[in-house]
Amino acid sequence: MPYTKEDILERIESVIDPSLEKTLGELDAIKHVGINPETESVMLLIEVGIKNTEITSQITRNVAQIVKLDMGFKSLVIDYNQTRPATLTKSLKVIGIASGKGGVGKSSVTANLAYALTSLGKKVGIIDADVYGANMPKIFECETKELMGTAEGKVYPFEKDGIEMVSTEFFVDTDRALMWRGPMLNKVLKIFFEDTLWSADLEFLLIDLPPGTGDVIMDIKTFVPDAKMILVTTPHPNATHIAIKAGFAAKDLSQDVIGVIENMSYFEVNGKKHYIFGKNGGEMVADKLVVPFLGEVPIGQPKSGNPSIFADSEPIGIIYLNLARKILALL
């Protein structure tokens, strides 16, 4: 064929993404153009605002009109990715902190990793997406209050110690249980991802996910398809068994699991480690999922004055700093 990749790119840039009402060229949405001269076929990777059949079918028809009918190629294959919400910069690294089982300390791990990354000079935000068991405001020892917003319906995240945070706790009465079904959960996630005015210099966004593999985790894939995942487990067999299931579920959703953290690994007294819940469970989970084992976090009482947050000068705080460094190296 006489046409080059540049020719194809120039021709199809004028196609409109109906979900954003802008051209693919304006959106810089064409991420890959490939030509197989032997089969006279074109392969494209396109980012869209909303990845559903109605949107992608319309784009495919318009691109096929150009590539096959106008330019004469015999076949066309298009893969679609969903772009990030406008409130999340493309350089922002999004990490979901997940667990198969509740009660493994996932929220405290999330908060301590946020503080550790901050100590390493990173600007960090947290989405408290554990909607039925949200307790990040409690961990941060902040007053549960209504978030400030704009006339356009956008909200500003709560900020403490340089860490930005949103939580469902800010949308319900104190001490009242959340009893929302799937569609309502999707709406609150939309607020967190699309309507929260995160700082432009935010570098890391940690998502405290609910345990298990329900609606929220599947919705995260819709909002941020390139989010990485870290699994938290205790060494106890009951926790590791469910963590493995959660890890494979994440992989089935094409989410990149970058490592496993074992929490409540042991309790240390006078230099001797007592493995209350068993031993090496986190390593076993990592081996099963073929992902890195990031490390152990022992049981301990912070001396920082906060019942959940360890200062980076404390032994467990130093462990979190090392975990944060490993995460930075992986990303």
C-alpha atoms as a PDB file:
ATOM      1  CA  MET A   1       0.000   0.000   0.000  1.00  0.00           C
ATOM      2  CA  PRO A   2       1.299   3.505  -0.785  1.00  0.00           C
ATOM      3  CA  TYR A   3       0.027   4.966   2.501  1.00  0.00           C
ATOM      4  CA  THR A   4       2.176   5.470   5.619  1.00  0.00           C
ATOM      5  CA  LYS A   5       1.280   5.527   9.308  1.00  0.00           C
ATOM      6  CA  GLU A   6       1.502   9.302   9.173  1.00  0.00           C
ATOM      7  CA  ASP A   7      -1.029   9.381   6.319  1.00  0.00           C
ATOM      8  CA  ILE A   8      -3.491   7.292   8.335  1.00  0.00           C
ATOM      9  CA  LEU A   9      -2.990   9.409  11.438  1.00  0.00           C
ATOM     10  CA  GLU A  10      -3.575  12.621   9.500  1.00  0.00           C
ATOM     11  CA  ARG A  11      -6.797  11.290   7.951  1.00  0.00           C
ATOM     12  CA  ILE A  12      -8.423   9.853  11.090  1.00  0.00           C
ATOM     13  CA  GLU A  13      -7.559  12.709  13.462  1.00  0.00           C
ATOM     14  CA  SER A  14     -10.739  14.459  12.336  1.00  0.00           C
ATOM     15  CA  VAL A  15     -12.991  11.629  13.630  1.00  0.00           C
ATOM     16  CA  ILE A  16     -15.005  12.751  16.655  1.00  0.00           C
ATOM     17  CA  ASP A  17     -15.198  10.962  19.991  1.00  0.00           C
ATOM     18  CA  PRO A  18     -18.923  11.447  20.742  1.00  0.00           C
ATOM     19  CA  SER A  19     -18.399  10.911  24.486  1.00  0.00           C
ATOM     20  CA  LEU A  20     -16.213  14.023  24.677  1.00  0.00           C
ATOM     21  CA  GLU A  21     -17.479  15.837  21.555  1.00  0.00           C
ATOM     22  CA  LYS A  22     -13.945  16.505  20.357  1.00  0.00           C
ATOM     23  CA  THR A  23     -11.831  15.093  17.531  1.00  0.00           C
ATOM     24  CA  LEU A  24      -9.320  12.307  18.127  1.00  0.00           C
ATOM     25  CA  GLY A  25      -6.620  14.769  17.109  1.00  0.00           C
ATOM     26  CA  GLU A  26      -7.697  17.373  19.665  1.00  0.00           C
ATOM     27  CA  LEU A  27      -7.727  14.704  22.371  1.00  0.00           C
ATOM     28  CA  ASP A  28      -4.402  13.154  21.317  1.00  0.00           C
ATOM     29  CA  ALA A  29      -6.396   9.931  21.504  1.00  0.00           C
ATOM     30  CA  ILE A  30      -4.640   7.882  18.799  1.00  0.00           C
ATOM     31  CA  LYS A  31      -1.966   6.047  20.769  1.00  0.00           C
ATOM     32  CA  HIS A  32      -0.760   3.579  18.148  1.00  0.00           C
ATOM     33  CA  VAL A  33      -0.954   3.131  14.373  1.00  0.00           C
ATOM     34  CA  GLY A  34       0.309  -0.055  12.785  1.00  0.00           C
ATOM     35  CA  ILE A  35       0.290  -1.366   9.190  1.00  0.00           C
ATOM     36  CA  ASN A  36       0.721  -4.957   8.060  1.00  0.00           C
ATOM     37  CA  PRO A  37       1.617  -4.616   4.341  1.00  0.00           C
ATOM     38  CA  GLU A  38       1.235  -8.350   3.671  1.00  0.00           C
ATOM     39  CA  THR A  39      -2.404  -8.480   4.767  1.00  0.00           C
ATOM     40  CA  GLU A  40      -3.071  -4.812   3.930  1.00  0.00           C
ATOM     41  CA  SER A  41      -4.470  -4.302   7.440  1.00  0.00           C
ATOM     42  CA  VAL A  42      -4.371  -1.431   9.919  1.00  0.00           C
ATOM     43  CA  MET A  43      -4.120  -1.765  13.725  1.00  0.00           C
ATOM     44  CA  LEU A  44      -5.063   1.156  15.962  1.00  0.00           C
ATOM     45  CA  LEU A  45      -5.100   1.898  19.692  1.00  0.00           C
ATOM     46  CA  ILE A  46      -7.500   4.707  20.588  1.00  0.00           C
ATOM     47  CA  GLU A  47      -8.375   6.281  23.942  1.00  0.00           C
ATOM     48  CA  VAL A  48     -12.012   7.263  24.434  1.00  0.00           C
ATOM     49  CA  GLY A  49     -13.826   9.254  27.090  1.00  0.00           C
ATOM     50  CA  ILE A  50     -16.345   6.471  27.731  1.00  0.00           C
ATOM     51  CA  LYS A  51     -15.637   2.918  26.629  1.00  0.00           C
ATOM     52  CA  ASN A  52     -18.970   1.383  25.706  1.00  0.00           C
ATOM     53  CA  THR A  53     -20.304  -0.306  22.581  1.00  0.00           C
ATOM     54  CA  GLU A  54     -22.333   2.677  21.420  1.00  0.00           C
ATOM     55  CA  ILE A  55     -19.326   5.019  21.508  1.00  0.00           C
ATOM     56  CA  THR A  56     -16.718   2.618  20.105  1.00  0.00           C
ATOM     57  CA  SER A  57     -19.005   1.345  17.331  1.00  0.00           C
ATOM     58  CA  GLN A  58     -19.597   4.875  16.098  1.00  0.00           C
ATOM     59  CA  ILE A  59     -15.878   5.651  16.051  1.00  0.00           C
ATOM     60  CA  THR A  60     -15.090   2.334  14.352  1.00  0.00           C
ATOM     61  CA  ARG A  61     -17.626   3.018  11.588  1.00  0.00           C
ATOM     62  CA  ASN A  62     -16.182   6.472  10.917  1.00  0.00           C
ATOM     63  CA  VAL A  63     -12.574   5.271  10.981  1.00  0.00           C
ATOM     64  CA  ALA A  64     -13.427   2.297   8.731  1.00  0.00           C
ATOM     65  CA  GLN A  65     -14.994   4.708   6.227  1.00  0.00           C
ATOM     66  CA  ILE A  66     -11.624   6.435   5.937  1.00  0.00           C
ATOM     67  CA  VAL A  67      -9.215   3.499   6.260  1.00  0.00           C
ATOM     68  CA  LYS A  68     -11.065   0.860   4.228  1.00  0.00           C
ATOM     69  CA  LEU A  69     -13.274   2.729   1.760  1.00  0.00           C
ATOM     70  CA  ASP A  70     -11.228   5.878   1.134  1.00  0.00           C
ATOM     71  CA  MET A  71      -7.684   4.494   1.562  1.00  0.00           C
ATOM     72  CA  GLY A  72      -8.337   0.943   0.340  1.00  0.00           C
ATOM     73  CA  PHE A  73      -7.017  -1.176   3.218  1.00  0.00           C
ATOM     74  CA  LYS A  74      -8.608  -4.630   3.433  1.00  0.00           C
ATOM     75  CA  SER A  75      -9.023  -4.910   7.233  1.00  0.00           C
ATOM     76  CA  LEU A  76      -9.047  -2.780  10.349  1.00  0.00           C
ATOM     77  CA  VAL A  77      -8.558  -3.740  14.009  1.00  0.00           C
ATOM     78  CA  ILE A  78      -9.095  -1.131  16.760  1.00  0.00           C
ATOM     79  CA  ASP A  79      -8.380  -1.617  20.458  1.00  0.00           C
ATOM     80  CA  TYR A  80      -9.948   0.944  22.784  1.00  0.00           C
ATOM     81  CA  ASN A  81      -8.801   2.196  26.182  1.00  0.00           C
ATOM     82  CA  GLN A  82     -10.779   4.554  28.366  1.00  0.00           C
ATOM     83  CA  THR A  83      -9.002   7.800  29.119  1.00  0.00           C
ATOM     84  CA  ARG A  84      -8.670   9.121  32.637  1.00  0.00           C
ATOM     85  CA  PRO A  85     -11.082  11.714  34.041  1.00  0.00           C
ATOM     86  CA  ALA A  86      -9.929  15.291  33.405  1.00  0.00           C
ATOM     87  CA  THR A  87      -9.355  15.781  37.151  1.00  0.00           C
ATOM     88  CA  LEU A  88      -6.585  13.157  37.118  1.00  0.00           C
ATOM     89  CA  THR A  89      -3.389  14.117  35.309  1.00  0.00           C
ATOM     90  CA  LYS A  90      -1.816  11.548  33.002  1.00  0.00           C
ATOM     91  CA  SER A  91       1.366  11.484  35.093  1.00  0.00           C
ATOM     92  CA  LEU A  92      -0.560  10.690  38.299  1.00  0.00           C
ATOM     93  CA  LYS A  93       0.178   7.184  39.595  1.00  0.00           C
ATOM     94  CA  VAL A  94      -2.997   5.520  40.895  1.00  0.00           C
ATOM     95  CA  ILE A  95      -2.668   2.547  43.254  1.00  0.00           C
ATOM     96  CA  GLY A  96      -5.577   0.523  44.619  1.00  0.00           C
ATOM     97  CA  ILE A  97      -4.942  -1.016  48.048  1.00  0.00           C
ATOM     98  CA  ALA A  98      -7.043  -4.191  48.126  1.00  0.00           C
ATOM     99  CA  SER A  99      -7.643  -7.239  50.289  1.00  0.00           C
ATOM    100  CA  GLY A 100      -9.732 -10.326  49.948  1.00  0.00           C
ATOM    101  CA  LYS A 101     -10.817 -10.315  53.577  1.00  0.00           C
ATOM    102  CA  GLY A 102     -11.827  -7.498  55.912  1.00  0.00           C
ATOM    103  CA  GLY A 103      -9.965  -6.823  59.130  1.00  0.00           C
ATOM    104  CA  VAL A 104      -6.451  -7.199  57.751  1.00  0.00           C
ATOM    105  CA  GLY A 105      -5.546  -3.538  58.372  1.00  0.00           C
ATOM    106  CA  LYS A 106      -5.815  -2.394  54.762  1.00  0.00           C
ATOM    107  CA  SER A 107      -6.920   1.145  55.681  1.00  0.00           C
ATOM    108  CA  SER A 108      -4.095   1.672  58.172  1.00  0.00           C
ATOM    109  CA  VAL A 109      -1.616   0.354  55.592  1.00  0.00           C
ATOM    110  CA  THR A 110      -3.016   2.821  53.044  1.00  0.00           C
ATOM    111  CA  ALA A 111      -2.722   5.756  55.453  1.00  0.00           C
ATOM    112  CA  ASN A 112       0.809   4.854  56.553  1.00  0.00           C
ATOM    113  CA  LEU A 113       1.961   4.415  52.955  1.00  0.00           C
ATOM    114  CA  ALA A 114       0.538   7.871  52.214  1.00  0.00           C
ATOM    115  CA  TYR A 115       2.570   9.369  55.070  1.00  0.00           C
ATOM    116  CA  ALA A 116       5.683   7.435  54.012  1.00  0.00           C
ATOM    117  CA  LEU A 117       5.420   8.653  50.419  1.00  0.00           C
ATOM    118  CA  THR A 118       4.897  12.185  51.722  1.00  0.00           C
ATOM    119  CA  SER A 119       8.054  11.854  53.842  1.00  0.00           C
ATOM    120  CA  LEU A 120       9.887  10.884  50.642  1.00  0.00           C
ATOM    121  CA  GLY A 121       8.804  14.161  49.053  1.00  0.00           C
ATOM    122  CA  LYS A 122       5.761  12.967  47.086  1.00  0.00           C
ATOM    123  CA  LYS A 123       2.394  14.722  46.894  1.00  0.00           C
ATOM    124  CA  VAL A 124      -0.245  12.136  47.832  1.00  0.00           C
ATOM    125  CA  GLY A 125      -4.025  11.840  47.807  1.00  0.00           C
ATOM    126  CA  ILE A 126      -6.343   9.142  49.185  1.00  0.00           C
ATOM    127  CA  ILE A 127      -9.756   8.003  48.003  1.00  0.00           C
ATOM    128  CA  ASP A 128     -11.540   6.213  50.829  1.00  0.00           C
ATOM    129  CA  ALA A 129     -13.542   3.897  48.571  1.00  0.00           C
ATOM    130  CA  ASP A 130     -14.234   1.311  51.272  1.00  0.00           C
ATOM    131  CA  VAL A 131     -17.762   2.669  51.092  1.00  0.00           C
ATOM    132  CA  TYR A 132     -19.445   0.414  53.669  1.00  0.00           C
ATOM    133  CA  GLY A 133     -16.560   0.578  56.132  1.00  0.00           C
ATOM    134  CA  ALA A 134     -15.043   3.988  55.471  1.00  0.00           C
ATOM    135  CA  ASN A 135     -12.827   5.069  58.356  1.00  0.00           C
ATOM    136  CA  MET A 136     -10.065   7.163  56.807  1.00  0.00           C
ATOM    137  CA  PRO A 137     -11.352  10.348  58.518  1.00  0.00           C
ATOM    138  CA  LYS A 138     -11.104   8.466  61.826  1.00  0.00           C
ATOM    139  CA  ILE A 139      -7.539   7.363  61.055  1.00  0.00           C
ATOM    140  CA  PHE A 140      -6.630  10.938  60.125  1.00  0.00           C
ATOM    141  CA  GLU A 141      -8.346  12.152  63.294  1.00  0.00           C
ATOM    142  CA  CYS A 142     -10.265  14.718  61.308  1.00  0.00           C
ATOM    143  CA  GLU A 143     -13.746  16.030  61.914  1.00  0.00           C
ATOM    144  CA  THR A 144     -16.347  14.481  59.619  1.00  0.00           C
ATOM    145  CA  LYS A 145     -17.718  17.517  57.871  1.00  0.00           C
ATOM    146  CA  GLU A 146     -19.158  18.622  54.560  1.00  0.00           C
ATOM    147  CA  LEU A 147     -16.558  19.194  51.870  1.00  0.00           C
ATOM    148  CA  MET A 148     -16.192  22.642  50.320  1.00  0.00           C
ATOM    149  CA  GLY A 149     -17.397  22.871  46.724  1.00  0.00           C
ATOM    150  CA  THR A 150     -17.980  25.093  43.722  1.00  0.00           C
ATOM    151  CA  ALA A 151     -21.086  26.385  41.984  1.00  0.00           C
ATOM    152  CA  GLU A 152     -20.396  23.841  39.204  1.00  0.00           C
ATOM    153  CA  GLY A 153     -20.791  20.911  41.620  1.00  0.00           C
ATOM    154  CA  LYS A 154     -17.088  20.171  42.068  1.00  0.00           C
ATOM    155  CA  VAL A 155     -15.655  19.444  45.544  1.00  0.00           C
ATOM    156  CA  TYR A 156     -12.327  20.122  47.196  1.00  0.00           C
ATOM    157  CA  PRO A 157     -10.658  17.244  49.052  1.00  0.00           C
ATOM    158  CA  PHE A 158      -9.973  17.446  52.772  1.00  0.00           C
ATOM    159  CA  GLU A 159      -6.276  18.010  53.480  1.00  0.00           C
ATOM    160  CA  LYS A 160      -4.133  17.154  56.481  1.00  0.00           C
ATOM    161  CA  ASP A 161      -0.342  17.059  56.764  1.00  0.00           C
ATOM    162  CA  GLY A 162      -0.154  17.714  53.019  1.00  0.00           C
ATOM    163  CA  ILE A 163      -2.238  14.608  52.185  1.00  0.00           C
ATOM    164  CA  GLU A 164      -5.508  15.145  50.314  1.00  0.00           C
ATOM    165  CA  MET A 165      -8.457  12.834  51.002  1.00  0.00           C
ATOM    166  CA  VAL A 166     -12.103  12.198  50.166  1.00  0.00           C
ATOM    167  CA  SER A 167     -14.359   9.672  51.867  1.00  0.00           C
ATOM    168  CA  THR A 168     -17.990   8.570  51.930  1.00  0.00           C
ATOM    169  CA  GLU A 169     -17.859   9.574  55.601  1.00  0.00           C
ATOM    170  CA  PHE A 170     -18.187  13.151  54.353  1.00  0.00           C
ATOM    171  CA  PHE A 171     -21.532  12.317  52.700  1.00  0.00           C
ATOM    172  CA  VAL A 172     -23.381  10.499  55.499  1.00  0.00           C
ATOM    173  CA  ASP A 173     -24.336  11.287  59.077  1.00  0.00           C
ATOM    174  CA  THR A 174     -21.804  10.325  61.726  1.00  0.00           C
ATOM    175  CA  ASP A 175     -22.359   6.827  63.165  1.00  0.00           C
ATOM    176  CA  ARG A 176     -24.943   5.973  60.483  1.00  0.00           C
ATOM    177  CA  ALA A 177     -24.376   2.895  58.329  1.00  0.00           C
ATOM    178  CA  LEU A 178     -24.179   3.329  54.565  1.00  0.00           C
ATOM    179  CA  MET A 179     -26.898   1.325  52.787  1.00  0.00           C
ATOM    180  CA  TRP A 180     -26.416   2.114  49.097  1.00  0.00           C
ATOM    181  CA  ARG A 181     -26.846  -0.192  46.128  1.00  0.00           C
ATOM    182  CA  GLY A 182     -24.596  -0.414  43.070  1.00  0.00           C
ATOM    183  CA  PRO A 183     -25.890   2.596  41.046  1.00  0.00           C
ATOM    184  CA  MET A 184     -25.510   4.935  44.041  1.00  0.00           C
ATOM    185  CA  LEU A 185     -22.022   3.618  44.704  1.00  0.00           C
ATOM    186  CA  ASN A 186     -21.089   4.424  41.114  1.00  0.00           C
ATOM    187  CA  LYS A 187     -22.345   7.979  41.613  1.00  0.00           C
ATOM    188  CA  VAL A 188     -20.192   8.569  44.676  1.00  0.00           C
ATOM    189  CA  LEU A 189     -17.153   7.116  42.887  1.00  0.00           C
ATOM    190  CA  LYS A 190     -17.886   9.554  40.054  1.00  0.00           C
ATOM    191  CA  ILE A 191     -17.640  12.371  42.604  1.00  0.00           C
ATOM    192  CA  PHE A 192     -14.299  11.051  43.843  1.00  0.00           C
ATOM    193  CA  PHE A 193     -12.752  10.581  40.395  1.00  0.00           C
ATOM    194  CA  GLU A 194     -14.446  13.131  38.144  1.00  0.00           C
ATOM    195  CA  ASP A 195     -15.748  15.891  40.414  1.00  0.00           C
ATOM    196  CA  THR A 196     -12.997  16.233  43.033  1.00  0.00           C
ATOM    197  CA  LEU A 197     -10.561  19.092  42.440  1.00  0.00           C
ATOM    198  CA  TRP A 198      -7.320  17.306  43.246  1.00  0.00           C
ATOM    199  CA  SER A 199      -4.159  19.427  43.254  1.00  0.00           C
ATOM    200  CA  ALA A 200      -2.466  19.671  39.877  1.00  0.00           C
ATOM    201  CA  ASP A 201       0.839  18.576  41.438  1.00  0.00           C
ATOM    202  CA  LEU A 202      -0.607  15.357  42.920  1.00  0.00           C
ATOM    203  CA  GLU A 203       1.826  12.496  42.178  1.00  0.00           C
ATOM    204  CA  PHE A 204       0.190   9.484  43.869  1.00  0.00           C
ATOM    205  CA  LEU A 205      -3.446   8.631  44.461  1.00  0.00           C
ATOM    206  CA  LEU A 206      -4.036   5.697  46.820  1.00  0.00           C
ATOM    207  CA  ILE A 207      -7.469   4.062  46.751  1.00  0.00           C
ATOM    208  CA  ASP A 208      -8.545   2.279  49.920  1.00  0.00           C
ATOM    209  CA  LEU A 209     -10.753  -0.399  48.363  1.00  0.00           C
ATOM    210  CA  PRO A 210     -13.438  -2.465  50.098  1.00  0.00           C
ATOM    211  CA  PRO A 211     -12.580  -6.111  50.798  1.00  0.00           C
ATOM    212  CA  GLY A 212     -13.648  -8.690  48.244  1.00  0.00           C
ATOM    213  CA  THR A 213     -14.432  -8.278  44.557  1.00  0.00           C
ATOM    214  CA  GLY A 214     -17.709  -6.348  44.423  1.00  0.00           C
ATOM    215  CA  ASP A 215     -19.096  -3.436  42.411  1.00  0.00           C
ATOM    216  CA  VAL A 216     -16.581  -0.847  43.633  1.00  0.00           C
ATOM    217  CA  ILE A 217     -13.499  -2.728  42.448  1.00  0.00           C
ATOM    218  CA  MET A 218     -15.063  -3.342  39.044  1.00  0.00           C
ATOM    219  CA  ASP A 219     -16.059   0.335  38.800  1.00  0.00           C
ATOM    220  CA  ILE A 220     -12.481   1.425  39.566  1.00  0.00           C
ATOM    221  CA  LYS A 221     -11.459  -0.291  36.336  1.00  0.00           C
ATOM    222  CA  THR A 222     -13.944   1.925  34.488  1.00  0.00           C
ATOM    223  CA  PHE A 223     -12.720   5.189  36.010  1.00  0.00           C
ATOM    224  CA  VAL A 224      -8.967   4.455  36.010  1.00  0.00           C
ATOM    225  CA  PRO A 225      -8.210   1.485  33.749  1.00  0.00           C
ATOM    226  CA  ASP A 226      -4.456   1.798  34.313  1.00  0.00           C
ATOM    227  CA  ALA A 227      -4.601   1.723  38.126  1.00  0.00           C
ATOM    228  CA  LYS A 228      -2.049  -0.574  39.773  1.00  0.00           C
ATOM    229  CA  MET A 229      -3.041  -2.858  42.662  1.00  0.00           C
ATOM    230  CA  ILE A 230      -1.367  -3.838  45.939  1.00  0.00           C
ATOM    231  CA  LEU A 231      -2.807  -6.687  48.007  1.00  0.00           C
ATOM    232  CA  VAL A 232      -2.779  -6.600  51.808  1.00  0.00           C
ATOM    233  CA  THR A 233      -3.118  -9.815  53.806  1.00  0.00           C
ATOM    234  CA  THR A 234      -2.241 -11.194  57.206  1.00  0.00           C
ATOM    235  CA  PRO A 235      -0.243 -14.443  57.414  1.00  0.00           C
ATOM    236  CA  HIS A 236      -3.313 -16.337  58.632  1.00  0.00           C
ATOM    237  CA  PRO A 237      -4.492 -19.035  56.164  1.00  0.00           C
ATOM    238  CA  ASN A 238      -8.059 -17.661  56.139  1.00  0.00           C
ATOM    239  CA  ALA A 239      -6.802 -14.270  54.980  1.00  0.00           C
ATOM    240  CA  THR A 240      -4.262 -15.586  52.462  1.00  0.00           C
ATOM    241  CA  HIS A 241      -6.833 -17.915  50.878  1.00  0.00           C
ATOM    242  CA  ILE A 242      -9.171 -14.986  50.115  1.00  0.00           C
ATOM    243  CA  ALA A 243      -6.276 -12.685  49.125  1.00  0.00           C
ATOM    244  CA  ILE A 244      -5.280 -15.112  46.379  1.00  0.00           C
ATOM    245  CA  LYS A 245      -8.847 -15.072  45.044  1.00  0.00           C
ATOM    246  CA  ALA A 246      -8.863 -11.259  45.094  1.00  0.00           C
ATOM    247  CA  GLY A 247      -5.545 -11.191  43.262  1.00  0.00           C
ATOM    248  CA  PHE A 248      -6.725 -13.472  40.485  1.00  0.00           C
ATOM    249  CA  ALA A 249      -9.967 -11.465  40.244  1.00  0.00           C
ATOM    250  CA  ALA A 250      -7.889  -8.303  39.720  1.00  0.00           C
ATOM    251  CA  LYS A 251      -5.873 -10.049  37.033  1.00  0.00           C
ATOM    252  CA  ASP A 252      -9.095 -11.191  35.341  1.00  0.00           C
ATOM    253  CA  LEU A 253     -10.018  -7.488  35.149  1.00  0.00           C
ATOM    254  CA  SER A 254      -6.601  -6.843  33.525  1.00  0.00           C
ATOM    255  CA  GLN A 255      -5.463  -4.880  36.572  1.00  0.00           C
ATOM    256  CA  ASP A 256      -1.733  -4.907  37.227  1.00  0.00           C
ATOM    257  CA  VAL A 257      -1.024  -6.348  40.700  1.00  0.00           C
ATOM    258  CA  ILE A 258       2.393  -4.941  41.618  1.00  0.00           C
ATOM    259  CA  GLY A 259       2.908  -6.619  44.970  1.00  0.00           C
ATOM    260  CA  VAL A 260       1.737  -8.060  48.286  1.00  0.00           C
ATOM    261  CA  ILE A 261       2.134  -6.581  51.772  1.00  0.00           C
ATOM    262  CA  GLU A 262       1.765  -8.843  54.801  1.00  0.00           C
ATOM    263  CA  ASN A 263       0.287  -6.938  57.754  1.00  0.00           C
ATOM    264  CA  MET A 264       0.175  -8.072  61.412  1.00  0.00           C
ATOM    265  CA  SER A 265       3.065 -10.404  60.611  1.00  0.00           C
ATOM    266  CA  TYR A 266       4.337 -10.812  64.144  1.00  0.00           C
ATOM    267  CA  PHE A 267       4.450  -9.231  67.595  1.00  0.00           C
ATOM    268  CA  GLU A 268       7.893  -8.453  68.965  1.00  0.00           C
ATOM    269  CA  VAL A 269       8.691  -8.636  72.692  1.00  0.00           C
ATOM    270  CA  ASN A 270      12.240  -8.084  74.002  1.00  0.00           C
ATOM    271  CA  GLY A 271      13.662  -8.733  70.568  1.00  0.00           C
ATOM    272  CA  LYS A 272      11.776 -11.994  70.070  1.00  0.00           C
ATOM    273  CA  LYS A 273       9.196 -12.270  67.284  1.00  0.00           C
ATOM    274  CA  HIS A 274       5.929 -14.040  68.049  1.00  0.00           C
ATOM    275  CA  TYR A 275       4.084 -15.163  64.912  1.00  0.00           C
ATOM    276  CA  ILE A 276       0.542 -15.022  66.295  1.00  0.00           C
ATOM    277  CA  PHE A 277      -1.298 -15.547  63.002  1.00  0.00           C
ATOM    278  CA  GLY A 278       1.148 -17.875  61.281  1.00  0.00           C
ATOM    279  CA  LYS A 279       4.173 -17.263  59.121  1.00  0.00           C
ATOM    280  CA  ASN A 280       5.081 -16.546  55.474  1.00  0.00           C
ATOM    281  CA  GLY A 281       1.458 -16.197  54.340  1.00  0.00           C
ATOM    282  CA  GLY A 282       2.165 -13.034  52.363  1.00  0.00           C
ATOM    283  CA  GLU A 283       5.058 -14.651  50.522  1.00  0.00           C
ATOM    284  CA  MET A 284       2.823 -17.585  49.637  1.00  0.00           C
ATOM    285  CA  VAL A 285       0.187 -15.212  48.187  1.00  0.00           C
ATOM    286  CA  ALA A 286       2.855 -13.407  46.161  1.00  0.00           C
ATOM    287  CA  ASP A 287       4.253 -16.699  44.854  1.00  0.00           C
ATOM    288  CA  LYS A 288       0.784 -17.901  43.807  1.00  0.00           C
ATOM    289  CA  LEU A 289       0.110 -14.651  41.939  1.00  0.00           C
ATOM    290  CA  VAL A 290       3.686 -14.427  40.597  1.00  0.00           C
ATOM    291  CA  VAL A 291       4.130 -10.879  41.898  1.00  0.00           C
ATOM    292  CA  PRO A 292       6.720  -9.297  44.227  1.00  0.00           C
ATOM    293  CA  PHE A 293       6.426  -9.740  47.984  1.00  0.00           C
ATOM    294  CA  LEU A 294       6.958  -6.214  49.285  1.00  0.00           C
ATOM    295  CA  GLY A 295       7.462  -7.004  52.964  1.00  0.00           C
ATOM    296  CA  GLU A 296       6.110  -7.612  56.460  1.00  0.00           C
ATOM    297  CA  VAL A 297       4.519  -5.096  58.828  1.00  0.00           C
ATOM    298  CA  PRO A 298       4.461  -6.228  62.475  1.00  0.00           C
ATOM    299  CA  ILE A 299       1.820  -5.503  65.098  1.00  0.00           C
ATOM    300  CA  GLY A 300       2.700  -2.404  67.069  1.00  0.00           C
ATOM    301  CA  GLN A 301       1.463   0.689  68.883  1.00  0.00           C
ATOM    302  CA  PRO A 302       2.429   4.044  67.326  1.00  0.00           C
ATOM    303  CA  LYS A 303       4.206   6.574  69.515  1.00  0.00           C
ATOM    304  CA  SER A 304       3.253   9.482  67.275  1.00  0.00           C
ATOM    305  CA  GLY A 305       0.154  10.290  69.322  1.00  0.00           C
ATOM    306  CA  ASN A 306      -2.108   9.011  66.549  1.00  0.00           C
ATOM    307  CA  PRO A 307      -3.397   5.470  67.267  1.00  0.00           C
ATOM    308  CA  SER A 308      -2.886   4.375  63.640  1.00  0.00           C
ATOM    309  CA  ILE A 309      -0.018   6.402  62.129  1.00  0.00           C
ATOM    310  CA  PHE A 310       3.629   5.562  62.767  1.00  0.00           C
ATOM    311  CA  ALA A 311       6.200   8.350  62.690  1.00  0.00           C
ATOM    312  CA  ASP A 312       8.987   7.743  60.193  1.00  0.00           C
ATOM    313  CA  SER A 313      11.495   7.659  63.062  1.00  0.00           C
ATOM    314  CA  GLU A 314       9.795   4.625  64.664  1.00  0.00           C
ATOM    315  CA  PRO A 315      10.822   1.065  63.675  1.00  0.00           C
ATOM    316  CA  ILE A 316       7.461   0.358  61.977  1.00  0.00           C
ATOM    317  CA  GLY A 317       7.532   3.808  60.391  1.00  0.00           C
ATOM    318  CA  ILE A 318      10.915   2.903  58.889  1.00  0.00           C
ATOM    319  CA  ILE A 319       9.352  -0.312  57.535  1.00  0.00           C
ATOM    320  CA  TYR A 320       6.696   1.783  55.791  1.00  0.00           C
ATOM    321  CA  LEU A 321       9.381   4.062  54.355  1.00  0.00           C
ATOM    322  CA  ASN A 322      11.115   0.999  52.892  1.00  0.00           C
ATOM    323  CA  LEU A 323       7.798  -0.268  51.484  1.00  0.00           C
ATOM    324  CA  ALA A 324       7.238   3.144  49.883  1.00  0.00           C
ATOM    325  CA  ARG A 325      10.720   3.042  48.348  1.00  0.00           C
ATOM    326  CA  LYS A 326      10.005  -0.406  46.882  1.00  0.00           C
ATOM    327  CA  ILE A 327       6.739   0.881  45.391  1.00  0.00           C
ATOM    328  CA  LEU A 328       8.554   3.873  43.857  1.00  0.00           C
ATOM    329  CA  ALA A 329      11.127   1.516  42.343  1.00  0.00           C
ATOM    330  CA  LEU A 330       8.377  -0.699  40.862  1.00  0.00           C
ATOM    331  CA  LEU A 331       6.640   2.271  39.283  1.00  0.00           C
END
